[in-house]
Amino acid sequence: MNGAEPDPVLVFDAMCLNHFARAERLDVLRDLLVGVTCLTTHVVREEIREGCQAYPILQAVLDANWLGLARLDSLDEIRCFAKWVQRIGSSERDLGEASVFSAAELSRGIAITDDREAVAVGRTHGLEVHGTVWLLARACRDGKLNEVAAGNIVEALRATGMRLPCSGSTFGSYVRRNGAV
């Protein structure tokens, strides 16, 4: 063993998974995260399941064997979820982020969401929260992608309607300017 810290658990909200699936790049996301424990929650899975009517390709997310399920069953887990619901909000859309944030807190992991308001709330309360651009920048840093390939993924995601803070052509400069990793 080299003594390096293991990668933290990544807990995914629906947005990233939804758009990678719709861009037919869910396999690429999986490959970029080989060796990393990736989880989502039952609430997020239900959001994805509801989206399958409009986008049948989202079934790939539900079938992904590399994406584990974070349980929120025990009393402490439910309390943590209730705390995040209070912080983020209780609208149907907010419940996914609240479940992801509680699972990330409980696992000492990193929440993955591209909802800017939720990111701000999570960070205000000491949670490590990042989005899709961070994942791609991390893959570049680790030598799994180059900037051009990451930019191509950004463009594929944007073509599905995903709002990201940069385009594919500005990915590299955005990451350098914002220290995304």
Protein backbone atom coordinates (compact mmCIF):
# COMPACT_ATOMS: atom_id res chain seq x y z
CA MET A 1 0.00 0.00 0.00
CA ASN A 2 1.33 3.43 -0.88
CA GLY A 3 -0.17 5.22 2.11
CA ALA A 4 -2.26 7.52 -0.07
CA GLU A 5 -5.65 8.55 1.20
CA PRO A 6 -8.45 6.58 -0.41
CA ASP A 7 -10.81 8.50 -2.65
CA PRO A 8 -13.79 9.81 -0.71
CA VAL A 9 -17.25 8.47 -1.46
CA LEU A 10 -19.08 10.49 -4.13
CA VAL A 11 -22.83 10.88 -3.62
CA PHE A 12 -24.68 11.90 -6.79
CA ASP A 13 -27.71 14.09 -7.23
CA ALA A 14 -29.96 13.49 -10.25
CA MET A 15 -28.72 16.30 -12.51
CA CYS A 16 -25.27 14.93 -13.31
CA LEU A 17 -26.54 11.37 -13.77
CA ASN A 18 -29.52 12.52 -15.84
CA HIS A 19 -27.46 14.52 -18.31
CA PHE A 20 -24.64 11.98 -18.66
CA ALA A 21 -27.29 9.35 -19.48
CA ARG A 22 -29.15 11.62 -21.93
CA ALA A 23 -25.83 12.46 -23.64
CA GLU A 24 -25.15 8.71 -23.86
CA ARG A 25 -21.98 9.20 -21.82
CA LEU A 26 -22.92 7.37 -18.59
CA ASP A 27 -20.32 4.73 -19.50
CA VAL A 28 -17.69 7.47 -19.71
CA LEU A 29 -18.65 8.74 -16.24
CA ARG A 30 -18.37 5.18 -14.91
CA ASP A 31 -14.93 4.76 -16.50
CA LEU A 32 -13.70 8.06 -15.04
CA LEU A 33 -14.73 6.88 -11.57
CA VAL A 34 -13.30 3.35 -11.58
CA GLY A 35 -12.12 2.56 -8.06
CA VAL A 36 -14.22 5.31 -6.48
CA THR A 37 -17.25 4.42 -4.39
CA CYS A 38 -20.22 6.12 -6.05
CA LEU A 39 -23.61 6.31 -4.40
CA THR A 40 -26.95 7.93 -4.86
CA THR A 41 -30.11 7.87 -2.78
CA HIS A 42 -33.55 6.34 -3.10
CA VAL A 43 -35.01 9.85 -3.52
CA VAL A 44 -32.70 10.55 -6.48
CA ARG A 45 -33.48 7.15 -8.00
CA GLU A 46 -37.19 8.01 -7.81
CA GLU A 47 -36.54 11.35 -9.56
CA ILE A 48 -34.67 9.47 -12.29
CA ARG A 49 -37.44 6.85 -12.52
CA GLU A 50 -40.02 9.62 -13.04
CA GLY A 51 -37.87 11.05 -15.83
CA CYS A 52 -37.82 7.71 -17.67
CA GLN A 53 -41.22 8.46 -19.21
CA ALA A 54 -39.84 11.46 -21.08
CA TYR A 55 -36.32 10.04 -21.52
CA PRO A 56 -36.29 6.21 -21.56
CA ILE A 57 -32.48 6.26 -21.72
CA LEU A 58 -32.50 7.26 -18.02
CA GLN A 59 -33.18 3.58 -17.27
CA ALA A 60 -29.40 3.19 -17.72
CA VAL A 61 -28.91 5.12 -14.47
CA LEU A 62 -31.27 2.81 -12.60
CA ASP A 63 -29.45 -0.22 -14.07
CA ALA A 64 -25.93 1.07 -13.33
CA ASN A 65 -24.27 -1.56 -11.12
CA TRP A 66 -21.40 0.82 -10.24
CA LEU A 67 -23.79 3.24 -8.54
CA GLY A 68 -24.60 2.05 -5.04
CA LEU A 69 -27.53 3.07 -2.87
CA ALA A 70 -26.94 5.15 0.26
CA ARG A 71 -29.39 4.09 2.90
CA LEU A 72 -31.24 6.63 4.98
CA ASP A 73 -33.15 4.26 7.26
CA SER A 74 -31.85 4.52 10.81
CA LEU A 75 -33.07 7.16 13.22
CA ASP A 76 -29.76 9.07 13.00
CA GLU A 77 -29.89 8.93 9.19
CA ILE A 78 -33.47 10.20 9.15
CA ARG A 79 -32.55 13.01 11.55
CA CYS A 80 -29.69 14.02 9.28
CA PHE A 81 -32.02 14.01 6.27
CA ALA A 82 -34.57 16.14 8.16
CA LYS A 83 -31.80 18.62 9.06
CA TRP A 84 -30.82 19.01 5.38
CA VAL A 85 -34.48 19.30 4.30
CA GLN A 86 -34.79 22.20 6.72
CA ARG A 87 -31.63 23.81 5.37
CA ILE A 88 -32.30 23.36 1.65
CA GLY A 89 -36.08 23.29 1.44
CA SER A 90 -38.84 20.76 1.22
CA SER A 91 -40.07 21.16 -2.33
CA GLU A 92 -40.06 17.91 -4.29
CA ARG A 93 -36.98 19.02 -6.21
CA ASP A 94 -35.09 19.92 -3.03
CA LEU A 95 -35.59 16.51 -1.45
CA GLY A 96 -33.06 14.94 -3.80
CA GLU A 97 -30.35 17.38 -2.77
CA ALA A 98 -31.27 17.01 0.90
CA SER A 99 -30.96 13.23 0.62
CA VAL A 100 -27.62 13.52 -1.21
CA PHE A 101 -26.26 15.99 1.33
CA SER A 102 -27.31 13.82 4.27
CA ALA A 103 -25.76 10.71 2.65
CA ALA A 104 -22.54 12.65 1.92
CA GLU A 105 -22.37 13.93 5.49
CA LEU A 106 -23.01 10.48 6.96
CA SER A 107 -20.39 8.83 4.73
CA ARG A 108 -17.90 11.70 5.10
CA GLY A 109 -18.05 11.93 1.34
CA ILE A 110 -18.51 14.53 -1.34
CA ALA A 111 -21.91 15.58 -2.62
CA ILE A 112 -22.12 15.94 -6.41
CA THR A 113 -24.75 18.41 -7.63
CA ASP A 114 -24.87 21.20 -10.16
CA ASP A 115 -27.61 23.12 -8.38
CA ARG A 116 -25.85 26.39 -7.47
CA GLU A 117 -28.21 27.29 -4.62
CA ALA A 118 -27.85 23.85 -3.05
CA VAL A 119 -24.05 24.01 -3.44
CA ALA A 120 -24.01 27.31 -1.56
CA VAL A 121 -26.16 25.91 1.27
CA GLY A 122 -24.03 22.79 1.56
CA ARG A 123 -20.77 24.71 1.68
CA THR A 124 -22.19 27.17 4.20
CA HIS A 125 -22.78 24.20 6.50
CA GLY A 126 -19.30 22.71 5.99
CA LEU A 127 -20.16 20.02 3.46
CA GLU A 128 -17.82 19.34 0.56
CA VAL A 129 -19.95 19.84 -2.56
CA HIS A 130 -18.84 19.86 -6.19
CA GLY A 131 -20.36 19.58 -9.64
CA THR A 132 -19.78 18.08 -13.04
CA VAL A 133 -17.00 20.49 -14.07
CA TRP A 134 -15.09 19.51 -10.92
CA LEU A 135 -15.46 15.81 -11.81
CA LEU A 136 -14.10 16.46 -15.30
CA ALA A 137 -11.27 18.63 -13.97
CA ARG A 138 -10.38 15.90 -11.49
CA ALA A 139 -10.28 13.36 -14.32
CA CYS A 140 -7.92 15.67 -16.24
CA ARG A 141 -5.72 16.10 -13.17
CA ASP A 142 -5.59 12.32 -12.74
CA GLY A 143 -4.63 11.77 -16.39
CA LYS A 144 -7.90 10.04 -17.30
CA LEU A 145 -8.97 12.81 -19.72
CA ASN A 146 -7.27 15.61 -21.56
CA GLU A 147 -8.80 19.08 -21.81
CA VAL A 148 -10.12 18.51 -25.32
CA ALA A 149 -11.90 15.31 -24.31
CA ALA A 150 -13.32 17.02 -21.23
CA GLY A 151 -14.49 19.92 -23.41
CA ASN A 152 -16.20 17.45 -25.73
CA ILE A 153 -18.07 15.96 -22.76
CA VAL A 154 -19.08 19.46 -21.64
CA GLU A 155 -20.52 20.11 -25.11
CA ALA A 156 -22.37 16.77 -25.12
CA LEU A 157 -23.89 17.60 -21.73
CA ARG A 158 -24.83 21.13 -22.81
CA ALA A 159 -26.55 19.66 -25.88
CA THR A 160 -28.96 17.89 -23.47
CA GLY A 161 -29.84 21.22 -21.89
CA MET A 162 -27.49 21.00 -18.92
CA ARG A 163 -26.44 24.40 -17.66
CA LEU A 164 -22.74 24.50 -16.89
CA PRO A 165 -20.53 27.48 -16.01
CA CYS A 166 -18.36 27.06 -19.11
CA SER A 167 -18.49 25.79 -22.67
CA GLY A 168 -16.35 23.00 -23.99
CA SER A 169 -13.93 25.44 -25.58
CA THR A 170 -13.54 27.44 -22.35
CA PHE A 171 -13.35 24.41 -20.02
CA GLY A 172 -9.57 24.54 -19.52
CA SER A 173 -9.38 28.28 -18.90
CA TYR A 174 -12.41 28.13 -16.59
CA VAL A 175 -10.83 25.36 -14.50
CA ARG A 176 -7.49 27.19 -14.27
CA ARG A 177 -9.15 30.51 -13.41
CA ASN A 178 -11.43 29.01 -10.76
CA GLY A 179 -9.14 26.38 -9.30
CA ALA A 180 -11.82 23.74 -9.85
CA VAL A 181 -9.70 20.93 -8.42
